[in-house]
Amino acid sequence: YEVGRTIGEGTFAKVKFAQNTETGESVAMKVLDRSSILKHKMVDQIKREISIMKLVRHPNVVRLYE
């Protein structure tokens, strides 16, 4: 992926515009702040978010690719 500008920013992460270099597909990439997550003991919540996002398939919900 080729990472571009920041689209949004939260407490524990930034969302950046990215483009798949092989397919040219545009995506939003969530970049997590590892030290902040560990400091606030949010590891389990992040793992839960990832596992749920892998399962959900709905047109109004963002799809998790990797």
PDB file of N, CA and C in Angstrom:
ATOM      1  N   TYR A   1       0.835  -1.189   0.000  1.00  0.00           N
ATOM      2  CA  TYR A   1       0.000   0.000   0.000  1.00  0.00           C
ATOM      3  C   TYR A   1       0.871   1.241   0.000  1.00  0.00           C
ATOM      4  N   GLU A   2       0.397   2.242  -0.693  1.00  0.00           N
ATOM      5  CA  GLU A   2       1.033   3.552  -0.663  1.00  0.00           C
ATOM      6  C   GLU A   2       0.154   4.442   0.206  1.00  0.00           C
ATOM      7  N   VAL A   3       0.710   4.892   1.329  1.00  0.00           N
ATOM      8  CA  VAL A   3      -0.063   5.649   2.313  1.00  0.00           C
ATOM      9  C   VAL A   3      -0.006   7.129   1.984  1.00  0.00           C
ATOM     10  N   GLY A   4      -1.183   7.776   2.046  1.00  0.00           N
ATOM     11  CA  GLY A   4      -1.280   9.195   1.721  1.00  0.00           C
ATOM     12  C   GLY A   4      -1.650  10.043   2.922  1.00  0.00           C
ATOM     13  N   ARG A   5      -2.534  11.005   2.699  1.00  0.00           N
ATOM     14  CA  ARG A   5      -2.886  11.996   3.717  1.00  0.00           C
ATOM     15  C   ARG A   5      -3.745  11.404   4.837  1.00  0.00           C
ATOM     16  N   THR A   6      -3.783  12.098   5.952  1.00  0.00           N
ATOM     17  CA  THR A   6      -4.621  11.707   7.085  1.00  0.00           C
ATOM     18  C   THR A   6      -6.054  12.163   6.818  1.00  0.00           C
ATOM     19  N   ILE A   7      -6.992  11.218   6.945  1.00  0.00           N
ATOM     20  CA  ILE A   7      -8.414  11.503   6.726  1.00  0.00           C
ATOM     21  C   ILE A   7      -9.080  11.894   8.043  1.00  0.00           C
ATOM     22  N   GLY A   8      -8.703  11.193   9.124  1.00  0.00           N
ATOM     23  CA  GLY A   8      -9.300  11.454  10.426  1.00  0.00           C
ATOM     24  C   GLY A   8      -8.352  11.051  11.531  1.00  0.00           C
ATOM     25  N   GLU A   9      -8.675  11.526  12.744  1.00  0.00           N
ATOM     26  CA  GLU A   9      -7.790  11.252  13.867  1.00  0.00           C
ATOM     27  C   GLU A   9      -8.621  11.084  15.123  1.00  0.00           C
ATOM     28  N   GLY A  10      -8.278  10.053  15.915  1.00  0.00           N
ATOM     29  CA  GLY A  10      -8.957   9.808  17.172  1.00  0.00           C
ATOM     30  C   GLY A  10      -7.955   9.694  18.299  1.00  0.00           C
ATOM     31  N   THR A  11      -8.405   9.195  19.437  1.00  0.00           N
ATOM     32  CA  THR A  11      -7.551   9.085  20.613  1.00  0.00           C
ATOM     33  C   THR A  11      -6.441   8.070  20.420  1.00  0.00           C
ATOM     34  N   PHE A  12      -6.762   6.922  19.831  1.00  0.00           N
ATOM     35  CA  PHE A  12      -5.808   5.824  19.728  1.00  0.00           C
ATOM     36  C   PHE A  12      -5.337   5.534  18.312  1.00  0.00           C
ATOM     37  N   ALA A  13      -5.854   6.249  17.325  1.00  0.00           N
ATOM     38  CA  ALA A  13      -5.516   5.906  15.946  1.00  0.00           C
ATOM     39  C   ALA A  13      -5.684   7.093  15.007  1.00  0.00           C
ATOM     40  N   LYS A  14      -5.065   6.955  13.835  1.00  0.00           N
ATOM     41  CA  LYS A  14      -5.265   7.877  12.724  1.00  0.00           C
ATOM     42  C   LYS A  14      -5.794   7.055  11.558  1.00  0.00           C
ATOM     43  N   VAL A  15      -6.659   7.646  10.759  1.00  0.00           N
ATOM     44  CA  VAL A  15      -7.150   6.996   9.549  1.00  0.00           C
ATOM     45  C   VAL A  15      -6.530   7.723   8.376  1.00  0.00           C
ATOM     46  N   LYS A  16      -5.834   6.961   7.537  1.00  0.00           N
ATOM     47  CA  LYS A  16      -5.126   7.543   6.411  1.00  0.00           C
ATOM     48  C   LYS A  16      -5.671   6.991   5.097  1.00  0.00           C
ATOM     49  N   PHE A  17      -5.603   7.812   4.069  1.00  0.00           N
ATOM     50  CA  PHE A  17      -5.934   7.372   2.718  1.00  0.00           C
ATOM     51  C   PHE A  17      -4.764   6.540   2.217  1.00  0.00           C
ATOM     52  N   ALA A  18      -5.051   5.389   1.621  1.00  0.00           N
ATOM     53  CA  ALA A  18      -3.996   4.537   1.070  1.00  0.00           C
ATOM     54  C   ALA A  18      -4.477   3.939  -0.240  1.00  0.00           C
ATOM     55  N   GLN A  19      -3.530   3.513  -1.050  1.00  0.00           N
ATOM     56  CA  GLN A  19      -3.861   2.914  -2.339  1.00  0.00           C
ATOM     57  C   GLN A  19      -3.045   1.639  -2.514  1.00  0.00           C
ATOM     58  N   ASN A  20      -3.735   0.561  -2.880  1.00  0.00           N
ATOM     59  CA  ASN A  20      -3.077  -0.710  -3.144  1.00  0.00           C
ATOM     60  C   ASN A  20      -2.212  -0.533  -4.381  1.00  0.00           C
ATOM     61  N   THR A  21      -0.912  -0.782  -4.244  1.00  0.00           N
ATOM     62  CA  THR A  21       0.005  -0.558  -5.365  1.00  0.00           C
ATOM     63  C   THR A  21      -0.171  -1.571  -6.490  1.00  0.00           C
ATOM     64  N   GLU A  22      -0.738  -2.744  -6.185  1.00  0.00           N
ATOM     65  CA  GLU A  22      -0.929  -3.773  -7.222  1.00  0.00           C
ATOM     66  C   GLU A  22      -2.223  -3.564  -7.994  1.00  0.00           C
ATOM     67  N   THR A  23      -3.326  -3.240  -7.285  1.00  0.00           N
ATOM     68  CA  THR A  23      -4.635  -3.128  -7.937  1.00  0.00           C
ATOM     69  C   THR A  23      -5.079  -1.691  -8.170  1.00  0.00           C
ATOM     70  N   GLY A  24      -4.479  -0.737  -7.457  1.00  0.00           N
ATOM     71  CA  GLY A  24      -4.886   0.652  -7.583  1.00  0.00           C
ATOM     72  C   GLY A  24      -6.115   0.997  -6.765  1.00  0.00           C
ATOM     73  N   GLU A  25      -6.628   0.041  -5.985  1.00  0.00           N
ATOM     74  CA  GLU A  25      -7.834   0.249  -5.183  1.00  0.00           C
ATOM     75  C   GLU A  25      -7.553   1.220  -4.037  1.00  0.00           C
ATOM     76  N   SER A  26      -8.455   2.179  -3.833  1.00  0.00           N
ATOM     77  CA  SER A  26      -8.335   3.147  -2.745  1.00  0.00           C
ATOM     78  C   SER A  26      -8.964   2.580  -1.482  1.00  0.00           C
ATOM     79  N   VAL A  27      -8.288   2.759  -0.355  1.00  0.00           N
ATOM     80  CA  VAL A  27      -8.779   2.249   0.927  1.00  0.00           C
ATOM     81  C   VAL A  27      -8.509   3.281   2.020  1.00  0.00           C
ATOM     82  N   ALA A  28      -9.164   3.082   3.153  1.00  0.00           N
ATOM     83  CA  ALA A  28      -8.864   3.850   4.364  1.00  0.00           C
ATOM     84  C   ALA A  28      -8.075   2.916   5.277  1.00  0.00           C
ATOM     85  N   MET A  29      -6.932   3.376   5.753  1.00  0.00           N
ATOM     86  CA  MET A  29      -6.059   2.549   6.585  1.00  0.00           C
ATOM     87  C   MET A  29      -6.036   3.126   8.001  1.00  0.00           C
ATOM     88  N   LYS A  30      -6.376   2.285   8.973  1.00  0.00           N
ATOM     89  CA  LYS A  30      -6.364   2.718  10.370  1.00  0.00           C
ATOM     90  C   LYS A  30      -5.010   2.379  10.967  1.00  0.00           C
ATOM     91  N   VAL A  31      -4.301   3.399  11.447  1.00  0.00           N
ATOM     92  CA  VAL A  31      -2.975   3.232  12.026  1.00  0.00           C
ATOM     93  C   VAL A  31      -3.103   3.455  13.529  1.00  0.00           C
ATOM     94  N   LEU A  32      -2.842   2.391  14.302  1.00  0.00           N
ATOM     95  CA  LEU A  32      -3.030   2.443  15.751  1.00  0.00           C
ATOM     96  C   LEU A  32      -1.755   2.889  16.463  1.00  0.00           C
ATOM     97  N   ASP A  33      -1.918   3.631  17.552  1.00  0.00           N
ATOM     98  CA  ASP A  33      -0.808   4.046  18.403  1.00  0.00           C
ATOM     99  C   ASP A  33      -0.616   2.971  19.471  1.00  0.00           C
ATOM    100  N   ARG A  34       0.340   2.095  19.254  1.00  0.00           N
ATOM    101  CA  ARG A  34       0.553   0.929  20.115  1.00  0.00           C
ATOM    102  C   ARG A  34       0.827   1.317  21.572  1.00  0.00           C
ATOM    103  N   SER A  35       1.667   2.323  21.790  1.00  0.00           N
ATOM    104  CA  SER A  35       2.012   2.703  23.170  1.00  0.00           C
ATOM    105  C   SER A  35       0.794   3.227  23.924  1.00  0.00           C
ATOM    106  N   SER A  36      -0.061   3.986  23.249  1.00  0.00           N
ATOM    107  CA  SER A  36      -1.269   4.512  23.877  1.00  0.00           C
ATOM    108  C   SER A  36      -2.250   3.390  24.209  1.00  0.00           C
ATOM    109  N   ILE A  37      -2.362   2.409  23.331  1.00  0.00           N
ATOM    110  CA  ILE A  37      -3.255   1.266  23.564  1.00  0.00           C
ATOM    111  C   ILE A  37      -2.776   0.450  24.759  1.00  0.00           C
ATOM    112  N   LEU A  38      -1.487   0.200  24.836  1.00  0.00           N
ATOM    113  CA  LEU A  38      -0.935  -0.555  25.964  1.00  0.00           C
ATOM    114  C   LEU A  38      -1.074   0.225  27.267  1.00  0.00           C
ATOM    115  N   LYS A  39      -0.842   1.519  27.221  1.00  0.00           N
ATOM    116  CA  LYS A  39      -0.923   2.376  28.407  1.00  0.00           C
ATOM    117  C   LYS A  39      -2.329   2.375  29.006  1.00  0.00           C
ATOM    118  N   HIS A  40      -3.350   2.389  28.153  1.00  0.00           N
ATOM    119  CA  HIS A  40      -4.742   2.424  28.610  1.00  0.00           C
ATOM    120  C   HIS A  40      -5.379   1.039  28.703  1.00  0.00           C
ATOM    121  N   LYS A  41      -4.565  -0.010  28.546  1.00  0.00           N
ATOM    122  CA  LYS A  41      -5.028  -1.406  28.652  1.00  0.00           C
ATOM    123  C   LYS A  41      -6.213  -1.686  27.723  1.00  0.00           C
ATOM    124  N   MET A  42      -6.056  -1.305  26.456  1.00  0.00           N
ATOM    125  CA  MET A  42      -7.119  -1.453  25.463  1.00  0.00           C
ATOM    126  C   MET A  42      -6.867  -2.621  24.508  1.00  0.00           C
ATOM    127  N   VAL A  43      -5.892  -3.465  24.788  1.00  0.00           N
ATOM    128  CA  VAL A  43      -5.500  -4.536  23.868  1.00  0.00           C
ATOM    129  C   VAL A  43      -6.673  -5.469  23.577  1.00  0.00           C
ATOM    130  N   ASP A  44      -7.390  -5.890  24.624  1.00  0.00           N
ATOM    131  CA  ASP A  44      -8.522  -6.806  24.415  1.00  0.00           C
ATOM    132  C   ASP A  44      -9.610  -6.170  23.562  1.00  0.00           C
ATOM    133  N   GLN A  45      -9.874  -4.891  23.781  1.00  0.00           N
ATOM    134  CA  GLN A  45     -10.900  -4.199  22.996  1.00  0.00           C
ATOM    135  C   GLN A  45     -10.496  -4.119  21.522  1.00  0.00           C
ATOM    136  N   ILE A  46      -9.230  -3.858  21.242  1.00  0.00           N
ATOM    137  CA  ILE A  46      -8.750  -3.779  19.863  1.00  0.00           C
ATOM    138  C   ILE A  46      -8.843  -5.150  19.188  1.00  0.00           C
ATOM    139  N   LYS A  47      -8.441  -6.200  19.912  1.00  0.00           N
ATOM    140  CA  LYS A  47      -8.544  -7.562  19.358  1.00  0.00           C
ATOM    141  C   LYS A  47      -9.995  -7.919  19.059  1.00  0.00           C
ATOM    142  N   ARG A  48     -10.906  -7.506  19.947  1.00  0.00           N
ATOM    143  CA  ARG A  48     -12.330  -7.772  19.745  1.00  0.00           C
ATOM    144  C   ARG A  48     -12.841  -7.024  18.518  1.00  0.00           C
ATOM    145  N   GLU A  49     -12.429  -5.761  18.368  1.00  0.00           N
ATOM    146  CA  GLU A  49     -12.835  -4.969  17.205  1.00  0.00           C
ATOM    147  C   GLU A  49     -12.386  -5.650  15.911  1.00  0.00           C
ATOM    148  N   ILE A  50     -11.152  -6.134  15.872  1.00  0.00           N
ATOM    149  CA  ILE A  50     -10.620  -6.793  14.683  1.00  0.00           C
ATOM    150  C   ILE A  50     -11.395  -8.066  14.372  1.00  0.00           C
ATOM    151  N   SER A  51     -11.664  -8.886  15.384  1.00  0.00           N
ATOM    152  CA  SER A  51     -12.375 -10.150  15.151  1.00  0.00           C
ATOM    153  C   SER A  51     -13.807  -9.898  14.671  1.00  0.00           C
ATOM    154  N   ILE A  52     -14.460  -8.876  15.201  1.00  0.00           N
ATOM    155  CA  ILE A  52     -15.824  -8.544  14.757  1.00  0.00           C
ATOM    156  C   ILE A  52     -15.800  -8.016  13.330  1.00  0.00           C
ATOM    157  N   MET A  53     -14.829  -7.148  13.015  1.00  0.00           N
ATOM    158  CA  MET A  53     -14.752  -6.584  11.669  1.00  0.00           C
ATOM    159  C   MET A  53     -14.489  -7.660  10.614  1.00  0.00           C
ATOM    160  N   LYS A  54     -13.783  -8.719  10.988  1.00  0.00           N
ATOM    161  CA  LYS A  54     -13.540  -9.827  10.060  1.00  0.00           C
ATOM    162  C   LYS A  54     -14.832 -10.555   9.715  1.00  0.00           C
ATOM    163  N   LEU A  55     -15.779 -10.596  10.654  1.00  0.00           N
ATOM    164  CA  LEU A  55     -17.021 -11.342  10.470  1.00  0.00           C
ATOM    165  C   LEU A  55     -18.114 -10.550   9.752  1.00  0.00           C
ATOM    166  N   VAL A  56     -18.159  -9.251   9.944  1.00  0.00           N
ATOM    167  CA  VAL A  56     -19.264  -8.420   9.461  1.00  0.00           C
ATOM    168  C   VAL A  56     -19.175  -8.208   7.949  1.00  0.00           C
ATOM    169  N   ARG A  57     -20.293  -8.468   7.285  1.00  0.00           N
ATOM    170  CA  ARG A  57     -20.427  -8.187   5.848  1.00  0.00           C
ATOM    171  C   ARG A  57     -21.744  -7.450   5.658  1.00  0.00           C
ATOM    172  N   HIS A  58     -21.675  -6.130   5.515  1.00  0.00           N
ATOM    173  CA  HIS A  58     -22.878  -5.314   5.368  1.00  0.00           C
ATOM    174  C   HIS A  58     -22.517  -4.096   4.516  1.00  0.00           C
ATOM    175  N   PRO A  59     -23.417  -3.662   3.635  1.00  0.00           N
ATOM    176  CA  PRO A  59     -23.090  -2.533   2.752  1.00  0.00           C
ATOM    177  C   PRO A  59     -22.842  -1.212   3.486  1.00  0.00           C
ATOM    178  N   ASN A  60     -23.357  -1.061   4.713  1.00  0.00           N
ATOM    179  CA  ASN A  60     -23.182   0.190   5.460  1.00  0.00           C
ATOM    180  C   ASN A  60     -22.054   0.121   6.492  1.00  0.00           C
ATOM    181  N   VAL A  61     -21.301  -0.968   6.502  1.00  0.00           N
ATOM    182  CA  VAL A  61     -20.209  -1.137   7.454  1.00  0.00           C
ATOM    183  C   VAL A  61     -18.914  -1.318   6.667  1.00  0.00           C
ATOM    184  N   VAL A  62     -17.871  -0.643   7.116  1.00  0.00           N
ATOM    185  CA  VAL A  62     -16.565  -0.715   6.458  1.00  0.00           C
ATOM    186  C   VAL A  62     -16.055  -2.157   6.491  1.00  0.00           C
ATOM    187  N   ARG A  63     -15.483  -2.620   5.388  1.00  0.00           N
ATOM    188  CA  ARG A  63     -14.965  -3.976   5.285  1.00  0.00           C
ATOM    189  C   ARG A  63     -13.490  -4.019   5.675  1.00  0.00           C
ATOM    190  N   LEU A  64     -13.113  -5.028   6.451  1.00  0.00           N
ATOM    191  CA  LEU A  64     -11.726  -5.202   6.871  1.00  0.00           C
ATOM    192  C   LEU A  64     -11.022  -6.080   5.840  1.00  0.00           C
ATOM    193  N   TYR A  65      -9.944  -5.573   5.258  1.00  0.00           N
ATOM    194  CA  TYR A  65      -9.199  -6.335   4.266  1.00  0.00           C
ATOM    195  C   TYR A  65      -8.054  -7.119   4.895  1.00  0.00           C
ATOM    196  N   GLU A  66      -7.253  -6.465   5.702  1.00  0.00           N
ATOM    197  CA  GLU A  66      -6.088  -7.114   6.316  1.00  0.00           C
ATOM    198  C   GLU A  66      -5.978  -6.673   7.751  1.00  0.00           C
TER     199      GLU A  66
END
